[in-house]
């Protein structure tokens, strides 16, 4: 990698350029490019809270010199989108707005394949290309900005690329989601009967609101792995069960 990369990380200054984009389902794609170490960290996850807790955590963790986002757009249910979130949590001079056309997942996939030091098959890019389309779109905009605005030339097979989810949640690959029938059943009817076959999501879906449905779907596709939070939730459940036992005794 050549150009302004060396000067980007002088002293304690941040050397990370981050790109963020989301879809209507509150799924967020993040591409964090470290100019100092020539590495690209890709993340894609579902935001399970209205406050965008996962995105805030990543912004705090990376402390970027620049954050690249598409134009302001109201997120699902009128919630604050990632573009507005960046504007609230980073200084104005750190927020860069690029046209949505720059967030091209197809171009991003090609860029990552060409620039990655590792073989694309080792990254699982061929398998997860459709699943991680948002973070690949973010990568496209991020790399484009770095090359045009920082004058950095990224040579082929020189970039260390990693795929991550969020810090507190696991990711289930799309093949497993389909095979385990988590969201949709493989067959619509049970063999030999007229009964409709249901997926795990359809069996558990007794929610009354759009937000509740989205939260259920997010927790099935992206299970929590933070032990402290899991134990706290279990404690709350036990307390509620004890309350109803006492109430009915």
C-alpha atoms as a PDB file:
ATOM      1  CA  UNK A   1       0.000   0.000   0.000  1.00  0.00           C
ATOM      2  CA  UNK A   2       1.472   3.299  -1.103  1.00  0.00           C
ATOM      3  CA  UNK A   3       0.703   6.989  -0.686  1.00  0.00           C
ATOM      4  CA  UNK A   4      -0.468   8.870   2.414  1.00  0.00           C
ATOM      5  CA  UNK A   5      -0.912   5.765   4.588  1.00  0.00           C
ATOM      6  CA  UNK A   6       2.249   6.223   6.622  1.00  0.00           C
ATOM      7  CA  UNK A   7       1.414   9.794   7.569  1.00  0.00           C
ATOM      8  CA  UNK A   8      -2.119   8.860   8.548  1.00  0.00           C
ATOM      9  CA  UNK A   9      -1.096   7.167  11.758  1.00  0.00           C
ATOM     10  CA  UNK A  10       1.354   9.682  13.211  1.00  0.00           C
ATOM     11  CA  UNK A  11       1.395   9.734  17.023  1.00  0.00           C
ATOM     12  CA  UNK A  12      -1.831   8.703  18.689  1.00  0.00           C
ATOM     13  CA  UNK A  13      -4.011   9.931  15.839  1.00  0.00           C
ATOM     14  CA  UNK A  14      -6.578   7.444  14.620  1.00  0.00           C
ATOM     15  CA  UNK A  15      -5.661   5.739  11.362  1.00  0.00           C
ATOM     16  CA  UNK A  16      -9.032   4.096  10.751  1.00  0.00           C
ATOM     17  CA  UNK A  17     -11.523   5.060   8.062  1.00  0.00           C
ATOM     18  CA  UNK A  18     -14.925   3.489   8.585  1.00  0.00           C
ATOM     19  CA  UNK A  19     -17.882   3.095   6.215  1.00  0.00           C
ATOM     20  CA  UNK A  20     -21.422   2.317   7.371  1.00  0.00           C
ATOM     21  CA  UNK A  21     -24.712   1.559   5.636  1.00  0.00           C
ATOM     22  CA  UNK A  22     -27.990  -0.085   6.673  1.00  0.00           C
ATOM     23  CA  UNK A  23     -31.072  -1.571   5.036  1.00  0.00           C
ATOM     24  CA  UNK A  24     -34.769  -1.314   5.903  1.00  0.00           C
ATOM     25  CA  UNK A  25     -34.548  -4.320   8.237  1.00  0.00           C
ATOM     26  CA  UNK A  26     -32.085  -2.456  10.490  1.00  0.00           C
ATOM     27  CA  UNK A  27     -29.213  -4.647   9.355  1.00  0.00           C
ATOM     28  CA  UNK A  28     -25.953  -2.686   9.383  1.00  0.00           C
ATOM     29  CA  UNK A  29     -22.836  -3.202   7.284  1.00  0.00           C
ATOM     30  CA  UNK A  30     -19.508  -1.812   8.492  1.00  0.00           C
ATOM     31  CA  UNK A  31     -16.109  -1.638   6.790  1.00  0.00           C
ATOM     32  CA  UNK A  32     -13.211  -0.425   8.958  1.00  0.00           C
ATOM     33  CA  UNK A  33      -9.995   0.259   7.029  1.00  0.00           C
ATOM     34  CA  UNK A  34      -6.825   0.664   9.111  1.00  0.00           C
ATOM     35  CA  UNK A  35      -4.339   2.726   7.093  1.00  0.00           C
ATOM     36  CA  UNK A  36      -1.538   1.959   9.526  1.00  0.00           C
ATOM     37  CA  UNK A  37      -1.713  -1.826   9.334  1.00  0.00           C
ATOM     38  CA  UNK A  38      -3.220  -2.164   5.834  1.00  0.00           C
ATOM     39  CA  UNK A  39      -6.147  -4.185   7.152  1.00  0.00           C
ATOM     40  CA  UNK A  40      -9.867  -4.205   6.418  1.00  0.00           C
ATOM     41  CA  UNK A  41     -12.356  -5.396   9.043  1.00  0.00           C
ATOM     42  CA  UNK A  42     -15.851  -6.185   7.772  1.00  0.00           C
ATOM     43  CA  UNK A  43     -18.854  -6.525  10.069  1.00  0.00           C
ATOM     44  CA  UNK A  44     -22.543  -7.108   9.419  1.00  0.00           C
ATOM     45  CA  UNK A  45     -25.186  -7.474  12.094  1.00  0.00           C
ATOM     46  CA  UNK A  46     -28.808  -6.758  12.928  1.00  0.00           C
ATOM     47  CA  UNK A  47     -29.454  -3.851  15.263  1.00  0.00           C
ATOM     48  CA  UNK A  48     -31.706  -5.217  17.996  1.00  0.00           C
ATOM     49  CA  UNK A  49     -32.163  -1.932  19.869  1.00  0.00           C
ATOM     50  CA  UNK A  50     -33.655   1.430  18.930  1.00  0.00           C
ATOM     51  CA  UNK A  51     -30.514   3.117  20.263  1.00  0.00           C
ATOM     52  CA  UNK A  52     -28.196   1.347  17.774  1.00  0.00           C
ATOM     53  CA  UNK A  53     -26.130  -0.048  20.636  1.00  0.00           C
ATOM     54  CA  UNK A  54     -23.949  -2.309  18.448  1.00  0.00           C
ATOM     55  CA  UNK A  55     -23.070   0.519  16.068  1.00  0.00           C
ATOM     56  CA  UNK A  56     -22.252   2.878  18.931  1.00  0.00           C
ATOM     57  CA  UNK A  57     -19.962   0.206  20.396  1.00  0.00           C
ATOM     58  CA  UNK A  58     -18.109  -0.181  17.084  1.00  0.00           C
ATOM     59  CA  UNK A  59     -17.748   3.600  16.673  1.00  0.00           C
ATOM     60  CA  UNK A  60     -16.314   3.822  20.181  1.00  0.00           C
ATOM     61  CA  UNK A  61     -14.011   0.835  19.573  1.00  0.00           C
ATOM     62  CA  UNK A  62     -12.596   2.039  16.245  1.00  0.00           C
ATOM     63  CA  UNK A  63     -12.600   5.789  17.058  1.00  0.00           C
ATOM     64  CA  UNK A  64     -12.326   6.560  13.313  1.00  0.00           C
ATOM     65  CA  UNK A  65     -10.572   9.541  11.770  1.00  0.00           C
ATOM     66  CA  UNK A  66     -13.398   9.608   9.208  1.00  0.00           C
ATOM     67  CA  UNK A  67     -16.802   7.904   8.991  1.00  0.00           C
ATOM     68  CA  UNK A  68     -18.340   7.491   5.534  1.00  0.00           C
ATOM     69  CA  UNK A  69     -22.129   7.208   5.288  1.00  0.00           C
ATOM     70  CA  UNK A  70     -24.833   7.521   2.609  1.00  0.00           C
ATOM     71  CA  UNK A  71     -27.159  10.571   2.644  1.00  0.00           C
ATOM     72  CA  UNK A  72     -29.519  10.955   5.608  1.00  0.00           C
ATOM     73  CA  UNK A  73     -32.475   8.628   5.427  1.00  0.00           C
ATOM     74  CA  UNK A  74     -35.035   7.825   8.092  1.00  0.00           C
ATOM     75  CA  UNK A  75     -34.590   4.245   9.221  1.00  0.00           C
ATOM     76  CA  UNK A  76     -37.344   1.688   9.732  1.00  0.00           C
ATOM     77  CA  UNK A  77     -40.160   2.809  12.086  1.00  0.00           C
ATOM     78  CA  UNK A  78     -38.830   6.369  11.940  1.00  0.00           C
ATOM     79  CA  UNK A  79     -35.822   5.508  14.095  1.00  0.00           C
ATOM     80  CA  UNK A  80     -32.535   7.356  13.800  1.00  0.00           C
ATOM     81  CA  UNK A  81     -30.446   5.885  10.964  1.00  0.00           C
ATOM     82  CA  UNK A  82     -26.704   5.244  11.028  1.00  0.00           C
ATOM     83  CA  UNK A  83     -26.026   8.439   9.084  1.00  0.00           C
ATOM     84  CA  UNK A  84     -27.694  10.604  11.722  1.00  0.00           C
ATOM     85  CA  UNK A  85     -26.129   8.499  14.482  1.00  0.00           C
ATOM     86  CA  UNK A  86     -22.641   9.232  13.142  1.00  0.00           C
ATOM     87  CA  UNK A  87     -23.492  12.932  13.018  1.00  0.00           C
ATOM     88  CA  UNK A  88     -24.476  12.855  16.685  1.00  0.00           C
ATOM     89  CA  UNK A  89     -21.489  10.892  17.983  1.00  0.00           C
ATOM     90  CA  UNK A  90     -18.635  12.224  15.848  1.00  0.00           C
ATOM     91  CA  UNK A  91     -17.449  15.782  15.107  1.00  0.00           C
ATOM     92  CA  UNK A  92     -18.820  17.313  11.892  1.00  0.00           C
ATOM     93  CA  UNK A  93     -15.414  17.227  10.192  1.00  0.00           C
ATOM     94  CA  UNK A  94     -15.212  13.441  10.686  1.00  0.00           C
ATOM     95  CA  UNK A  95     -18.474  12.660   8.881  1.00  0.00           C
ATOM     96  CA  UNK A  96     -18.232  12.182   5.111  1.00  0.00           C
ATOM     97  CA  UNK A  97     -21.392  11.712   3.051  1.00  0.00           C
ATOM     98  CA  UNK A  98     -21.099   9.811  -0.230  1.00  0.00           C
ATOM     99  CA  UNK A  99     -23.804   9.030  -2.786  1.00  0.00           C
ATOM    100  CA  UNK A 100     -25.591   5.708  -2.375  1.00  0.00           C
ATOM    101  CA  UNK A 101     -24.216   4.677  -5.757  1.00  0.00           C
ATOM    102  CA  UNK A 102     -20.754   4.527  -4.164  1.00  0.00           C
ATOM    103  CA  UNK A 103     -22.021   1.815  -1.803  1.00  0.00           C
ATOM    104  CA  UNK A 104     -21.946  -0.927  -4.441  1.00  0.00           C
ATOM    105  CA  UNK A 105     -21.765  -4.450  -2.999  1.00  0.00           C
ATOM    106  CA  UNK A 106     -20.859  -6.015  -6.361  1.00  0.00           C
ATOM    107  CA  UNK A 107     -17.867  -3.703  -6.778  1.00  0.00           C
ATOM    108  CA  UNK A 108     -17.033  -4.200  -3.104  1.00  0.00           C
ATOM    109  CA  UNK A 109     -16.895  -7.978  -3.522  1.00  0.00           C
ATOM    110  CA  UNK A 110     -14.551  -7.635  -6.522  1.00  0.00           C
ATOM    111  CA  UNK A 111     -12.331  -5.174  -4.641  1.00  0.00           C
ATOM    112  CA  UNK A 112     -12.044  -7.400  -1.579  1.00  0.00           C
ATOM    113  CA  UNK A 113     -11.264 -10.463  -3.711  1.00  0.00           C
ATOM    114  CA  UNK A 114      -8.543  -8.622  -5.621  1.00  0.00           C
ATOM    115  CA  UNK A 115      -6.981  -6.769  -2.692  1.00  0.00           C
ATOM    116  CA  UNK A 116      -7.097  -9.510  -0.059  1.00  0.00           C
ATOM    117  CA  UNK A 117      -3.770 -11.111   0.821  1.00  0.00           C
ATOM    118  CA  UNK A 118      -5.603 -14.365   1.546  1.00  0.00           C
ATOM    119  CA  UNK A 119      -7.337 -16.541  -0.988  1.00  0.00           C
ATOM    120  CA  UNK A 120     -11.025 -15.513  -1.330  1.00  0.00           C
ATOM    121  CA  UNK A 121     -12.117 -19.103  -0.672  1.00  0.00           C
ATOM    122  CA  UNK A 122     -10.271 -19.031   2.667  1.00  0.00           C
ATOM    123  CA  UNK A 123     -12.267 -15.930   3.605  1.00  0.00           C
ATOM    124  CA  UNK A 124     -15.482 -17.680   2.666  1.00  0.00           C
ATOM    125  CA  UNK A 125     -16.297 -14.751   0.399  1.00  0.00           C
ATOM    126  CA  UNK A 126     -17.763 -16.923  -2.344  1.00  0.00           C
ATOM    127  CA  UNK A 127     -20.128 -18.536   0.158  1.00  0.00           C
ATOM    128  CA  UNK A 128     -21.116 -15.428   2.098  1.00  0.00           C
ATOM    129  CA  UNK A 129     -21.089 -12.836  -0.696  1.00  0.00           C
ATOM    130  CA  UNK A 130     -24.887 -12.417  -0.677  1.00  0.00           C
ATOM    131  CA  UNK A 131     -25.139 -12.658   3.089  1.00  0.00           C
ATOM    132  CA  UNK A 132     -22.573  -9.915   3.708  1.00  0.00           C
ATOM    133  CA  UNK A 133     -23.660  -7.586   0.905  1.00  0.00           C
ATOM    134  CA  UNK A 134     -23.993  -4.563   3.214  1.00  0.00           C
ATOM    135  CA  UNK A 135     -20.446  -4.658   4.570  1.00  0.00           C
ATOM    136  CA  UNK A 136     -19.146  -5.233   1.027  1.00  0.00           C
ATOM    137  CA  UNK A 137     -21.085  -2.139  -0.060  1.00  0.00           C
ATOM    138  CA  UNK A 138     -19.494  -0.217   2.824  1.00  0.00           C
ATOM    139  CA  UNK A 139     -16.075  -1.534   1.742  1.00  0.00           C
ATOM    140  CA  UNK A 140     -16.647  -0.252  -1.796  1.00  0.00           C
ATOM    141  CA  UNK A 141     -17.329   3.315  -0.597  1.00  0.00           C
ATOM    142  CA  UNK A 142     -14.518   3.223   1.972  1.00  0.00           C
ATOM    143  CA  UNK A 143     -11.840   2.038  -0.467  1.00  0.00           C
ATOM    144  CA  UNK A 144     -13.045   4.494  -3.132  1.00  0.00           C
ATOM    145  CA  UNK A 145     -12.737   7.413  -0.672  1.00  0.00           C
ATOM    146  CA  UNK A 146      -9.296   6.325   0.567  1.00  0.00           C
ATOM    147  CA  UNK A 147      -7.920   6.048  -2.953  1.00  0.00           C
ATOM    148  CA  UNK A 148      -9.399   9.334  -4.199  1.00  0.00           C
ATOM    149  CA  UNK A 149      -9.121  11.566  -1.116  1.00  0.00           C
ATOM    150  CA  UNK A 150      -6.030  10.189   0.638  1.00  0.00           C
ATOM    151  CA  UNK A 151      -4.082   9.357  -2.503  1.00  0.00           C
ATOM    152  CA  UNK A 152      -3.458   5.816  -1.275  1.00  0.00           C
ATOM    153  CA  UNK A 153      -2.741   3.147  -3.877  1.00  0.00           C
ATOM    154  CA  UNK A 154      -3.774  -0.296  -2.646  1.00  0.00           C
ATOM    155  CA  UNK A 155      -1.990  -3.024  -4.569  1.00  0.00           C
ATOM    156  CA  UNK A 156      -3.551  -6.413  -5.232  1.00  0.00           C
ATOM    157  CA  UNK A 157      -3.177  -9.109  -2.561  1.00  0.00           C
ATOM    158  CA  UNK A 158      -1.763  -6.648  -0.010  1.00  0.00           C
ATOM    159  CA  UNK A 159      -4.700  -6.239   2.354  1.00  0.00           C
ATOM    160  CA  UNK A 160      -5.449  -8.245   5.496  1.00  0.00           C
ATOM    161  CA  UNK A 161      -9.219  -8.854   5.472  1.00  0.00           C
ATOM    162  CA  UNK A 162     -11.357 -10.212   8.312  1.00  0.00           C
ATOM    163  CA  UNK A 163     -15.102 -10.851   8.620  1.00  0.00           C
ATOM    164  CA  UNK A 164     -16.804 -10.260  11.960  1.00  0.00           C
ATOM    165  CA  UNK A 165     -20.298  -9.882  13.323  1.00  0.00           C
ATOM    166  CA  UNK A 166     -21.074  -7.776  16.355  1.00  0.00           C
ATOM    167  CA  UNK A 167     -19.107  -8.204  19.587  1.00  0.00           C
ATOM    168  CA  UNK A 168     -22.036  -9.532  21.637  1.00  0.00           C
ATOM    169  CA  UNK A 169     -23.806 -11.747  19.107  1.00  0.00           C
ATOM    170  CA  UNK A 170     -23.135 -14.848  17.026  1.00  0.00           C
ATOM    171  CA  UNK A 171     -23.774 -15.069  13.296  1.00  0.00           C
ATOM    172  CA  UNK A 172     -25.430 -18.085  11.669  1.00  0.00           C
ATOM    173  CA  UNK A 173     -24.478 -18.633   8.037  1.00  0.00           C
ATOM    174  CA  UNK A 174     -27.233 -18.578   5.417  1.00  0.00           C
ATOM    175  CA  UNK A 175     -26.906 -22.299   4.588  1.00  0.00           C
ATOM    176  CA  UNK A 176     -27.477 -23.277   8.228  1.00  0.00           C
ATOM    177  CA  UNK A 177     -30.410 -20.857   8.490  1.00  0.00           C
ATOM    178  CA  UNK A 178     -32.026 -22.597   5.534  1.00  0.00           C
ATOM    179  CA  UNK A 179     -31.155 -26.174   6.564  1.00  0.00           C
ATOM    180  CA  UNK A 180     -32.323 -25.681  10.161  1.00  0.00           C
ATOM    181  CA  UNK A 181     -35.516 -24.006   8.908  1.00  0.00           C
ATOM    182  CA  UNK A 182     -35.017 -21.073  11.257  1.00  0.00           C
ATOM    183  CA  UNK A 183     -36.943 -18.467   9.234  1.00  0.00           C
ATOM    184  CA  UNK A 184     -38.628 -20.346   6.380  1.00  0.00           C
ATOM    185  CA  UNK A 185     -39.557 -24.043   6.078  1.00  0.00           C
ATOM    186  CA  UNK A 186     -37.848 -26.077   3.369  1.00  0.00           C
ATOM    187  CA  UNK A 187     -41.257 -27.436   2.326  1.00  0.00           C
ATOM    188  CA  UNK A 188     -44.564 -25.681   2.813  1.00  0.00           C
ATOM    189  CA  UNK A 189     -46.527 -28.836   3.707  1.00  0.00           C
ATOM    190  CA  UNK A 190     -45.836 -31.829   5.933  1.00  0.00           C
ATOM    191  CA  UNK A 191     -45.281 -34.977   3.884  1.00  0.00           C
ATOM    192  CA  UNK A 192     -48.438 -37.049   3.507  1.00  0.00           C
ATOM    193  CA  UNK A 193     -50.725 -34.472   5.165  1.00  0.00           C
ATOM    194  CA  UNK A 194     -52.446 -31.216   4.309  1.00  0.00           C
ATOM    195  CA  UNK A 195     -50.959 -29.509   7.372  1.00  0.00           C
ATOM    196  CA  UNK A 196     -48.745 -26.521   6.749  1.00  0.00           C
ATOM    197  CA  UNK A 197     -45.142 -26.943   7.883  1.00  0.00           C
ATOM    198  CA  UNK A 198     -43.746 -24.120  10.013  1.00  0.00           C
ATOM    199  CA  UNK A 199     -40.260 -22.809  10.635  1.00  0.00           C
ATOM    200  CA  UNK A 200     -38.913 -22.037  14.123  1.00  0.00           C
ATOM    201  CA  UNK A 201     -39.614 -18.339  13.544  1.00  0.00           C
ATOM    202  CA  UNK A 202     -43.213 -19.019  12.506  1.00  0.00           C
ATOM    203  CA  UNK A 203     -43.792 -21.269  15.539  1.00  0.00           C
ATOM    204  CA  UNK A 204     -42.494 -18.658  17.993  1.00  0.00           C
ATOM    205  CA  UNK A 205     -44.092 -15.654  16.301  1.00  0.00           C
ATOM    206  CA  UNK A 206     -46.816 -14.532  18.697  1.00  0.00           C
ATOM    207  CA  UNK A 207     -45.668 -10.913  18.622  1.00  0.00           C
ATOM    208  CA  UNK A 208     -48.149  -8.045  18.341  1.00  0.00           C
ATOM    209  CA  UNK A 209     -45.938  -5.337  16.858  1.00  0.00           C
ATOM    210  CA  UNK A 210     -43.546  -4.921  13.930  1.00  0.00           C
ATOM    211  CA  UNK A 211     -40.740  -4.128  16.364  1.00  0.00           C
ATOM    212  CA  UNK A 212     -41.380  -7.325  18.316  1.00  0.00           C
ATOM    213  CA  UNK A 213     -41.343  -9.410  15.139  1.00  0.00           C
ATOM    214  CA  UNK A 214     -38.084  -7.818  14.036  1.00  0.00           C
ATOM    215  CA  UNK A 215     -36.511  -8.407  17.464  1.00  0.00           C
ATOM    216  CA  UNK A 216     -37.543 -12.091  17.435  1.00  0.00           C
ATOM    217  CA  UNK A 217     -36.107 -12.558  13.940  1.00  0.00           C
ATOM    218  CA  UNK A 218     -32.881 -10.796  14.922  1.00  0.00           C
ATOM    219  CA  UNK A 219     -32.410 -12.964  18.017  1.00  0.00           C
ATOM    220  CA  UNK A 220     -32.901 -16.160  15.993  1.00  0.00           C
ATOM    221  CA  UNK A 221     -30.478 -15.134  13.242  1.00  0.00           C
ATOM    222  CA  UNK A 222     -28.005 -13.467  15.575  1.00  0.00           C
ATOM    223  CA  UNK A 223     -28.127 -15.173  19.019  1.00  0.00           C
ATOM    224  CA  UNK A 224     -26.717 -13.302  21.986  1.00  0.00           C
ATOM    225  CA  UNK A 225     -23.423 -14.664  23.355  1.00  0.00           C
ATOM    226  CA  UNK A 226     -22.766 -12.191  26.172  1.00  0.00           C
ATOM    227  CA  UNK A 227     -22.971 -14.439  29.264  1.00  0.00           C
ATOM    228  CA  UNK A 228     -23.681 -11.642  31.737  1.00  0.00           C
ATOM    229  CA  UNK A 229     -26.659 -10.374  29.724  1.00  0.00           C
ATOM    230  CA  UNK A 230     -27.977 -13.922  29.211  1.00  0.00           C
ATOM    231  CA  UNK A 231     -27.806 -14.613  32.968  1.00  0.00           C
ATOM    232  CA  UNK A 232     -29.534 -11.304  33.726  1.00  0.00           C
ATOM    233  CA  UNK A 233     -32.367 -12.204  31.355  1.00  0.00           C
ATOM    234  CA  UNK A 234     -32.686 -15.666  32.918  1.00  0.00           C
ATOM    235  CA  UNK A 235     -32.830 -14.094  36.391  1.00  0.00           C
ATOM    236  CA  UNK A 236     -35.632 -11.802  35.213  1.00  0.00           C
ATOM    237  CA  UNK A 237     -37.511 -14.789  33.804  1.00  0.00           C
ATOM    238  CA  UNK A 238     -37.144 -16.734  37.078  1.00  0.00           C
ATOM    239  CA  UNK A 239     -38.435 -13.741  39.064  1.00  0.00           C
ATOM    240  CA  UNK A 240     -41.488 -13.458  36.825  1.00  0.00           C
ATOM    241  CA  UNK A 241     -42.210 -17.183  37.157  1.00  0.00           C
ATOM    242  CA  UNK A 242     -41.905 -16.993  40.950  1.00  0.00           C
ATOM    243  CA  UNK A 243     -44.233 -13.971  40.984  1.00  0.00           C
ATOM    244  CA  UNK A 244     -46.968 -15.831  39.081  1.00  0.00           C
ATOM    245  CA  UNK A 245     -46.528 -18.950  41.243  1.00  0.00           C
ATOM    246  CA  UNK A 246     -47.030 -16.841  44.390  1.00  0.00           C
ATOM    247  CA  UNK A 247     -49.952 -15.012  42.768  1.00  0.00           C
ATOM    248  CA  UNK A 248     -51.741 -18.274  41.973  1.00  0.00           C
ATOM    249  CA  UNK A 249     -50.985 -20.031  45.277  1.00  0.00           C
END
